[in-house]
Amino acid sequence: MPTYDYQCAKCRKKFSLNLSISEKGNKRVKCPKCNSVKVEQQFTSFFARTSTKS
């Protein structure tokens, strides 16, 4: 499941959520500190782990 990073526009708290792609499209994200729905998704880098071939 992907991890999405957000920042609250009201209290400026940064937080992360693990959401499936379908949940991200349907779910209203709320700030865990002030319960505001005015949150902005933050864009971050990611990494992928692949298996090594011998």
C-alpha atoms as a PDB file:
ATOM      1  CA  MET A   1       0.000   0.000   0.000  1.00  0.00           C
ATOM      2  CA  PRO A   2       1.388   3.421  -0.887  1.00  0.00           C
ATOM      3  CA  THR A   3       2.231   5.997   1.766  1.00  0.00           C
ATOM      4  CA  TYR A   4       0.977   9.525   1.147  1.00  0.00           C
ATOM      5  CA  ASP A   5       2.408  12.588   2.894  1.00  0.00           C
ATOM      6  CA  TYR A   6       0.152  15.521   3.747  1.00  0.00           C
ATOM      7  CA  GLN A   7       0.351  18.907   5.452  1.00  0.00           C
ATOM      8  CA  CYS A   8      -2.582  20.613   7.124  1.00  0.00           C
ATOM      9  CA  ALA A   9      -3.312  24.075   5.723  1.00  0.00           C
ATOM     10  CA  LYS A  10      -4.839  25.158   9.054  1.00  0.00           C
ATOM     11  CA  CYS A  11      -2.320  24.050  11.728  1.00  0.00           C
ATOM     12  CA  ARG A  12       0.632  23.192   9.379  1.00  0.00           C
ATOM     13  CA  LYS A  13       1.108  19.694  10.884  1.00  0.00           C
ATOM     14  CA  LYS A  14       2.801  17.185   8.560  1.00  0.00           C
ATOM     15  CA  PHE A  15       1.574  13.580   8.609  1.00  0.00           C
ATOM     16  CA  SER A  16       1.625  10.375   6.547  1.00  0.00           C
ATOM     17  CA  LEU A  17      -1.131   7.902   5.715  1.00  0.00           C
ATOM     18  CA  ASN A  18      -1.062   4.424   4.208  1.00  0.00           C
ATOM     19  CA  LEU A  19      -3.955   4.302   1.756  1.00  0.00           C
ATOM     20  CA  SER A  20      -4.854   2.023  -1.115  1.00  0.00           C
ATOM     21  CA  ILE A  21      -5.347   3.750  -4.449  1.00  0.00           C
ATOM     22  CA  SER A  22      -9.128   3.328  -4.229  1.00  0.00           C
ATOM     23  CA  GLU A  23      -9.194   4.737  -0.663  1.00  0.00           C
ATOM     24  CA  LYS A  24      -7.182   7.778  -1.738  1.00  0.00           C
ATOM     25  CA  GLY A  25      -9.749   8.597  -4.416  1.00  0.00           C
ATOM     26  CA  ASN A  26     -12.788   8.137  -2.160  1.00  0.00           C
ATOM     27  CA  LYS A  27     -11.671   9.059   1.358  1.00  0.00           C
ATOM     28  CA  ARG A  28     -11.653  12.607   2.792  1.00  0.00           C
ATOM     29  CA  VAL A  29      -8.319  13.058   4.514  1.00  0.00           C
ATOM     30  CA  LYS A  30      -8.445  14.793   7.907  1.00  0.00           C
ATOM     31  CA  CYS A  31      -5.644  16.259   9.953  1.00  0.00           C
ATOM     32  CA  PRO A  32      -4.972  14.081  13.026  1.00  0.00           C
ATOM     33  CA  LYS A  33      -4.228  17.161  15.167  1.00  0.00           C
ATOM     34  CA  CYS A  34      -7.091  19.579  14.416  1.00  0.00           C
ATOM     35  CA  ASN A  35      -9.486  17.402  12.297  1.00  0.00           C
ATOM     36  CA  SER A  36      -9.456  19.931   9.449  1.00  0.00           C
ATOM     37  CA  VAL A  37     -10.157  18.616   5.949  1.00  0.00           C
ATOM     38  CA  LYS A  38      -8.024  21.380   4.416  1.00  0.00           C
ATOM     39  CA  VAL A  39      -4.947  19.260   3.788  1.00  0.00           C
ATOM     40  CA  GLU A  40      -2.426  19.445   0.955  1.00  0.00           C
ATOM     41  CA  GLN A  41      -0.638  16.433  -0.430  1.00  0.00           C
ATOM     42  CA  GLN A  42       3.155  16.752  -0.285  1.00  0.00           C
ATOM     43  CA  PHE A  43       5.252  15.286  -3.061  1.00  0.00           C
ATOM     44  CA  THR A  44       8.185  13.219  -1.863  1.00  0.00           C
ATOM     45  CA  SER A  45      10.682  10.843  -3.391  1.00  0.00           C
ATOM     46  CA  PHE A  46      10.243   7.093  -3.185  1.00  0.00           C
ATOM     47  CA  PHE A  47      12.299   3.983  -3.653  1.00  0.00           C
ATOM     48  CA  ALA A  48      11.569   0.532  -5.011  1.00  0.00           C
ATOM     49  CA  ARG A  49      13.203  -2.631  -3.831  1.00  0.00           C
ATOM     50  CA  THR A  50      13.672  -5.295  -6.464  1.00  0.00           C
ATOM     51  CA  SER A  51      14.985  -8.807  -6.195  1.00  0.00           C
ATOM     52  CA  THR A  52      18.587  -9.427  -7.146  1.00  0.00           C
ATOM     53  CA  LYS A  53      19.420 -11.873  -9.879  1.00  0.00           C
ATOM     54  CA  SER A  54      22.247 -14.280  -9.334  1.00  0.00           C
END
